[in-house]
Amino acid sequence: MENDIYAQARYIPISAQKVRLVADLVRGKGAVEALATLKFTPNRAAGPIAKVLKSAVANGEENFGVSRDDLYVYRIFADEAPTRKWRRFGARGRFKPWLRRSSHITVILRERDQ
């Protein structure tokens, strides 16, 4: 794990299931290509994923001195974060729970072998 460059965003208010759909689009791509793909992806999860990816690229450039053209998305995943439980009152005095799910997004970059 000596070459891993990572960034993390926590408590993003989008369900992990929806974030994974967008994460699958960029897994394995080059960092610059992945950012271009996310820019034109209409899903709401594309914004937070792009933000984490930019952060990981900046970490690689600043802390490890790696060019952004040499980086690729080694791993990207979304884990479930705490779920906020809201109440909604239904007919006949019943109770309808609303589950507002959130997620943690992690991006791990590696340098391409020349």
N, C-alpha and C. Protein backbone atom coordinates (compact mmCIF):
# COMPACT_ATOMS: atom_id res chain seq x y z
N MET A 1 0.81 -1.21 0.00
CA MET A 1 0.00 0.00 0.00
C MET A 1 0.85 1.27 0.00
N GLU A 2 2.11 1.15 -0.33
CA GLU A 2 2.98 2.32 -0.27
C GLU A 2 2.68 3.32 -1.38
N ASN A 3 2.05 2.87 -2.48
CA ASN A 3 1.79 3.77 -3.60
C ASN A 3 0.35 4.26 -3.63
N ASP A 4 -0.43 3.93 -2.61
CA ASP A 4 -1.84 4.32 -2.63
C ASP A 4 -2.03 5.77 -2.21
N ILE A 5 -2.82 6.47 -3.00
CA ILE A 5 -3.17 7.86 -2.73
C ILE A 5 -4.68 7.87 -2.56
N TYR A 6 -5.15 8.33 -1.40
CA TYR A 6 -6.59 8.22 -1.21
C TYR A 6 -7.19 9.49 -0.64
N ALA A 7 -8.50 9.59 -0.83
CA ALA A 7 -9.29 10.68 -0.26
C ALA A 7 -10.64 10.10 0.11
N GLN A 8 -11.29 10.75 1.05
CA GLN A 8 -12.54 10.23 1.58
C GLN A 8 -13.52 11.37 1.83
N ALA A 9 -14.79 11.12 1.55
CA ALA A 9 -15.86 12.06 1.91
C ALA A 9 -16.84 11.28 2.77
N ARG A 10 -17.21 11.85 3.89
CA ARG A 10 -18.07 11.12 4.81
C ARG A 10 -19.40 11.84 4.98
N TYR A 11 -20.42 11.06 5.29
CA TYR A 11 -21.78 11.55 5.56
C TYR A 11 -22.37 12.32 4.39
N ILE A 12 -22.20 11.80 3.17
CA ILE A 12 -22.81 12.40 1.98
C ILE A 12 -24.28 11.99 1.96
N PRO A 13 -25.22 12.93 1.86
CA PRO A 13 -26.64 12.58 2.00
C PRO A 13 -27.27 11.98 0.73
N ILE A 14 -26.61 10.96 0.17
CA ILE A 14 -27.14 10.19 -0.96
C ILE A 14 -26.93 8.73 -0.59
N SER A 15 -27.87 7.87 -0.92
CA SER A 15 -27.73 6.47 -0.53
C SER A 15 -26.52 5.84 -1.23
N ALA A 16 -25.90 4.89 -0.54
CA ALA A 16 -24.71 4.23 -1.07
C ALA A 16 -25.03 3.49 -2.37
N GLN A 17 -26.24 2.98 -2.48
CA GLN A 17 -26.65 2.25 -3.69
C GLN A 17 -26.60 3.17 -4.91
N LYS A 18 -27.05 4.40 -4.76
CA LYS A 18 -27.04 5.34 -5.88
C LYS A 18 -25.62 5.81 -6.20
N VAL A 19 -24.80 5.96 -5.17
CA VAL A 19 -23.42 6.39 -5.39
C VAL A 19 -22.63 5.30 -6.12
N ARG A 20 -22.91 4.03 -5.80
CA ARG A 20 -22.19 2.92 -6.44
C ARG A 20 -22.45 2.88 -7.94
N LEU A 21 -23.65 3.26 -8.38
CA LEU A 21 -23.95 3.26 -9.82
C LEU A 21 -23.00 4.18 -10.57
N VAL A 22 -22.70 5.34 -9.99
CA VAL A 22 -21.80 6.30 -10.64
C VAL A 22 -20.35 5.87 -10.45
N ALA A 23 -20.03 5.30 -9.28
CA ALA A 23 -18.65 4.86 -9.02
C ALA A 23 -18.22 3.78 -10.01
N ASP A 24 -19.16 2.94 -10.43
CA ASP A 24 -18.83 1.88 -11.38
C ASP A 24 -18.40 2.44 -12.74
N LEU A 25 -18.85 3.66 -13.07
CA LEU A 25 -18.50 4.27 -14.35
C LEU A 25 -17.02 4.63 -14.44
N VAL A 26 -16.41 4.99 -13.31
CA VAL A 26 -15.04 5.53 -13.35
C VAL A 26 -13.99 4.57 -12.83
N ARG A 27 -14.40 3.43 -12.31
CA ARG A 27 -13.44 2.48 -11.74
C ARG A 27 -12.48 1.99 -12.83
N GLY A 28 -11.17 2.09 -12.56
CA GLY A 28 -10.16 1.61 -13.51
C GLY A 28 -9.72 2.64 -14.55
N LYS A 29 -10.41 3.76 -14.66
CA LYS A 29 -10.04 4.77 -15.65
C LYS A 29 -8.93 5.67 -15.13
N GLY A 30 -8.31 6.39 -16.05
CA GLY A 30 -7.33 7.39 -15.65
C GLY A 30 -8.02 8.52 -14.91
N ALA A 31 -7.30 9.22 -14.05
CA ALA A 31 -7.91 10.25 -13.21
C ALA A 31 -8.49 11.38 -14.05
N VAL A 32 -7.80 11.82 -15.09
CA VAL A 32 -8.28 12.92 -15.92
C VAL A 32 -9.52 12.48 -16.71
N GLU A 33 -9.48 11.27 -17.24
CA GLU A 33 -10.62 10.73 -17.99
C GLU A 33 -11.83 10.54 -17.07
N ALA A 34 -11.60 10.10 -15.85
CA ALA A 34 -12.69 9.89 -14.89
C ALA A 34 -13.36 11.21 -14.54
N LEU A 35 -12.57 12.27 -14.36
CA LEU A 35 -13.15 13.58 -14.06
C LEU A 35 -13.98 14.09 -15.23
N ALA A 36 -13.52 13.85 -16.46
CA ALA A 36 -14.28 14.26 -17.64
C ALA A 36 -15.59 13.48 -17.74
N THR A 37 -15.55 12.20 -17.41
CA THR A 37 -16.76 11.38 -17.43
C THR A 37 -17.77 11.88 -16.40
N LEU A 38 -17.30 12.19 -15.21
CA LEU A 38 -18.19 12.64 -14.14
C LEU A 38 -18.81 14.00 -14.45
N LYS A 39 -18.07 14.82 -15.19
CA LYS A 39 -18.56 16.16 -15.52
C LYS A 39 -19.84 16.09 -16.34
N PHE A 40 -19.96 15.05 -17.18
CA PHE A 40 -21.12 14.93 -18.06
C PHE A 40 -22.09 13.84 -17.62
N THR A 41 -21.94 13.35 -16.40
CA THR A 41 -22.87 12.37 -15.86
C THR A 41 -24.00 13.10 -15.15
N PRO A 42 -25.27 12.85 -15.51
CA PRO A 42 -26.37 13.62 -14.95
C PRO A 42 -26.77 13.24 -13.52
N ASN A 43 -26.29 12.12 -13.00
CA ASN A 43 -26.71 11.69 -11.67
C ASN A 43 -26.22 12.67 -10.60
N ARG A 44 -27.00 12.79 -9.53
CA ARG A 44 -26.67 13.71 -8.46
C ARG A 44 -25.40 13.28 -7.71
N ALA A 45 -25.11 11.98 -7.72
CA ALA A 45 -23.94 11.47 -7.01
C ALA A 45 -22.63 11.82 -7.72
N ALA A 46 -22.70 12.25 -8.98
CA ALA A 46 -21.48 12.55 -9.73
C ALA A 46 -20.72 13.73 -9.11
N GLY A 47 -21.43 14.70 -8.54
CA GLY A 47 -20.79 15.86 -7.93
C GLY A 47 -19.88 15.50 -6.76
N PRO A 48 -20.43 14.83 -5.73
CA PRO A 48 -19.56 14.44 -4.61
C PRO A 48 -18.41 13.51 -5.00
N ILE A 49 -18.66 12.60 -5.94
CA ILE A 49 -17.59 11.69 -6.36
C ILE A 49 -16.48 12.48 -7.06
N ALA A 50 -16.85 13.44 -7.90
CA ALA A 50 -15.85 14.27 -8.58
C ALA A 50 -15.04 15.08 -7.56
N LYS A 51 -15.72 15.55 -6.54
CA LYS A 51 -15.03 16.33 -5.51
C LYS A 51 -13.98 15.49 -4.77
N VAL A 52 -14.34 14.25 -4.43
CA VAL A 52 -13.40 13.37 -3.75
C VAL A 52 -12.25 12.99 -4.68
N LEU A 53 -12.57 12.75 -5.95
CA LEU A 53 -11.53 12.40 -6.92
C LEU A 53 -10.54 13.55 -7.12
N LYS A 54 -11.05 14.78 -7.19
CA LYS A 54 -10.16 15.95 -7.30
C LYS A 54 -9.26 16.07 -6.08
N SER A 55 -9.83 15.79 -4.92
CA SER A 55 -9.05 15.85 -3.69
C SER A 55 -7.93 14.80 -3.69
N ALA A 56 -8.25 13.59 -4.15
CA ALA A 56 -7.24 12.53 -4.22
C ALA A 56 -6.13 12.89 -5.21
N VAL A 57 -6.51 13.48 -6.35
CA VAL A 57 -5.52 13.90 -7.34
C VAL A 57 -4.61 14.97 -6.75
N ALA A 58 -5.21 15.93 -6.03
CA ALA A 58 -4.42 16.99 -5.39
C ALA A 58 -3.49 16.41 -4.34
N ASN A 59 -3.96 15.41 -3.59
CA ASN A 59 -3.10 14.75 -2.60
C ASN A 59 -1.90 14.09 -3.29
N GLY A 60 -2.14 13.46 -4.42
CA GLY A 60 -1.05 12.81 -5.15
C GLY A 60 -0.02 13.80 -5.67
N GLU A 61 -0.52 14.92 -6.19
CA GLU A 61 0.40 15.93 -6.73
C GLU A 61 1.19 16.62 -5.62
N GLU A 62 0.51 16.98 -4.54
CA GLU A 62 1.17 17.74 -3.47
C GLU A 62 2.06 16.86 -2.58
N ASN A 63 1.52 15.73 -2.15
CA ASN A 63 2.23 14.93 -1.14
C ASN A 63 3.22 13.94 -1.74
N PHE A 64 2.95 13.47 -2.97
CA PHE A 64 3.80 12.44 -3.55
C PHE A 64 4.52 12.90 -4.81
N GLY A 65 4.18 14.09 -5.33
CA GLY A 65 4.83 14.61 -6.53
C GLY A 65 4.55 13.82 -7.79
N VAL A 66 3.34 13.25 -7.88
CA VAL A 66 2.96 12.43 -9.04
C VAL A 66 2.13 13.29 -9.98
N SER A 67 2.38 13.17 -11.28
CA SER A 67 1.60 13.90 -12.27
C SER A 67 0.19 13.32 -12.35
N ARG A 68 -0.80 14.19 -12.55
CA ARG A 68 -2.19 13.72 -12.63
C ARG A 68 -2.43 12.82 -13.83
N ASP A 69 -1.59 12.94 -14.87
CA ASP A 69 -1.75 12.09 -16.05
C ASP A 69 -1.32 10.65 -15.79
N ASP A 70 -0.51 10.43 -14.76
CA ASP A 70 -0.02 9.08 -14.44
C ASP A 70 -0.92 8.35 -13.45
N LEU A 71 -1.94 9.03 -12.91
CA LEU A 71 -2.80 8.42 -11.90
C LEU A 71 -4.00 7.74 -12.53
N TYR A 72 -4.43 6.65 -11.91
CA TYR A 72 -5.68 6.01 -12.32
C TYR A 72 -6.46 5.58 -11.08
N VAL A 73 -7.76 5.37 -11.26
CA VAL A 73 -8.64 5.01 -10.14
C VAL A 73 -8.45 3.52 -9.86
N TYR A 74 -7.69 3.23 -8.82
CA TYR A 74 -7.42 1.84 -8.45
C TYR A 74 -8.64 1.22 -7.79
N ARG A 75 -9.18 1.90 -6.79
CA ARG A 75 -10.40 1.45 -6.12
C ARG A 75 -11.28 2.65 -5.83
N ILE A 76 -12.58 2.43 -5.92
CA ILE A 76 -13.54 3.46 -5.51
C ILE A 76 -14.75 2.71 -4.96
N PHE A 77 -15.18 3.10 -3.78
CA PHE A 77 -16.32 2.42 -3.19
C PHE A 77 -17.12 3.37 -2.30
N ALA A 78 -18.36 3.00 -2.09
CA ALA A 78 -19.28 3.77 -1.25
C ALA A 78 -19.82 2.84 -0.17
N ASP A 79 -19.59 3.19 1.07
CA ASP A 79 -20.11 2.43 2.20
C ASP A 79 -21.31 3.15 2.79
N GLU A 80 -22.15 2.39 3.48
CA GLU A 80 -23.31 3.01 4.12
C GLU A 80 -22.87 3.81 5.34
N ALA A 81 -23.47 4.96 5.50
CA ALA A 81 -23.26 5.82 6.66
C ALA A 81 -24.53 5.74 7.51
N PRO A 82 -24.59 6.42 8.63
CA PRO A 82 -25.80 6.35 9.46
C PRO A 82 -27.05 6.81 8.71
N THR A 83 -28.15 6.14 9.00
CA THR A 83 -29.43 6.46 8.39
C THR A 83 -30.24 7.29 9.38
N ARG A 84 -30.72 8.46 8.90
CA ARG A 84 -31.60 9.28 9.75
C ARG A 84 -33.01 8.76 9.58
N LYS A 85 -33.69 8.55 10.67
CA LYS A 85 -35.05 8.04 10.61
C LYS A 85 -36.03 9.17 10.88
N TRP A 86 -36.85 9.49 9.88
CA TRP A 86 -37.85 10.54 10.00
C TRP A 86 -39.22 9.94 10.09
N ARG A 87 -40.18 10.67 10.69
CA ARG A 87 -41.54 10.17 10.81
C ARG A 87 -42.44 10.82 9.80
N ARG A 88 -43.36 10.02 9.35
CA ARG A 88 -44.43 10.52 8.51
C ARG A 88 -45.69 9.85 9.02
N PHE A 89 -46.71 10.62 9.28
CA PHE A 89 -47.92 10.03 9.82
C PHE A 89 -48.86 9.68 8.69
N GLY A 90 -49.35 8.44 8.71
CA GLY A 90 -50.21 7.95 7.65
C GLY A 90 -51.66 7.91 8.06
N ALA A 91 -52.47 7.31 7.24
CA ALA A 91 -53.90 7.21 7.50
C ALA A 91 -54.17 6.31 8.69
N ARG A 92 -55.28 6.53 9.34
CA ARG A 92 -55.75 5.75 10.48
C ARG A 92 -54.76 5.74 11.63
N GLY A 93 -54.08 6.84 11.83
CA GLY A 93 -53.17 6.96 12.96
C GLY A 93 -51.92 6.11 12.86
N ARG A 94 -51.61 5.67 11.66
CA ARG A 94 -50.42 4.82 11.48
C ARG A 94 -49.18 5.67 11.31
N PHE A 95 -48.06 4.99 11.37
CA PHE A 95 -46.76 5.64 11.37
C PHE A 95 -45.98 5.16 10.16
N LYS A 96 -45.50 6.06 9.33
CA LYS A 96 -44.74 5.70 8.13
C LYS A 96 -43.31 6.20 8.28
N PRO A 97 -42.36 5.31 8.54
CA PRO A 97 -40.98 5.80 8.68
C PRO A 97 -40.36 6.14 7.32
N TRP A 98 -39.60 7.23 7.28
CA TRP A 98 -38.80 7.59 6.12
C TRP A 98 -37.36 7.38 6.51
N LEU A 99 -36.63 6.62 5.70
CA LEU A 99 -35.22 6.39 5.98
C LEU A 99 -34.39 7.28 5.06
N ARG A 100 -33.70 8.23 5.65
CA ARG A 100 -32.85 9.12 4.85
C ARG A 100 -31.43 8.58 4.95
N ARG A 101 -31.03 7.92 3.89
CA ARG A 101 -29.75 7.22 3.91
C ARG A 101 -28.61 8.15 3.50
N SER A 102 -27.42 7.84 3.98
CA SER A 102 -26.23 8.60 3.61
C SER A 102 -25.08 7.63 3.37
N SER A 103 -23.96 8.14 2.87
CA SER A 103 -22.87 7.25 2.49
C SER A 103 -21.51 7.90 2.73
N HIS A 104 -20.51 7.03 2.80
CA HIS A 104 -19.10 7.45 2.85
C HIS A 104 -18.46 7.03 1.53
N ILE A 105 -17.80 7.97 0.84
CA ILE A 105 -17.18 7.69 -0.45
C ILE A 105 -15.66 7.67 -0.27
N THR A 106 -15.01 6.63 -0.77
CA THR A 106 -13.55 6.51 -0.68
C THR A 106 -12.99 6.28 -2.08
N VAL A 107 -11.96 7.04 -2.44
CA VAL A 107 -11.28 6.90 -3.72
C VAL A 107 -9.81 6.60 -3.45
N ILE A 108 -9.29 5.54 -4.08
CA ILE A 108 -7.88 5.19 -3.95
C ILE A 108 -7.27 5.23 -5.35
N LEU A 109 -6.23 6.04 -5.50
CA LEU A 109 -5.54 6.18 -6.78
C LEU A 109 -4.18 5.49 -6.70
N ARG A 110 -3.71 5.06 -7.86
CA ARG A 110 -2.34 4.53 -7.94
C ARG A 110 -1.68 5.10 -9.19
N GLU A 111 -0.36 5.05 -9.18
CA GLU A 111 0.41 5.52 -10.32
C GLU A 111 0.55 4.40 -11.33
N ARG A 112 0.35 4.74 -12.61
CA ARG A 112 0.49 3.73 -13.67
C ARG A 112 1.95 3.31 -13.81
N ASP A 113 2.15 2.03 -14.05
CA ASP A 113 3.51 1.53 -14.29
C ASP A 113 3.88 1.79 -15.74
N GLN A 114 5.04 2.42 -15.95
CA GLN A 114 5.45 2.74 -17.32
C GLN A 114 6.15 1.55 -17.95
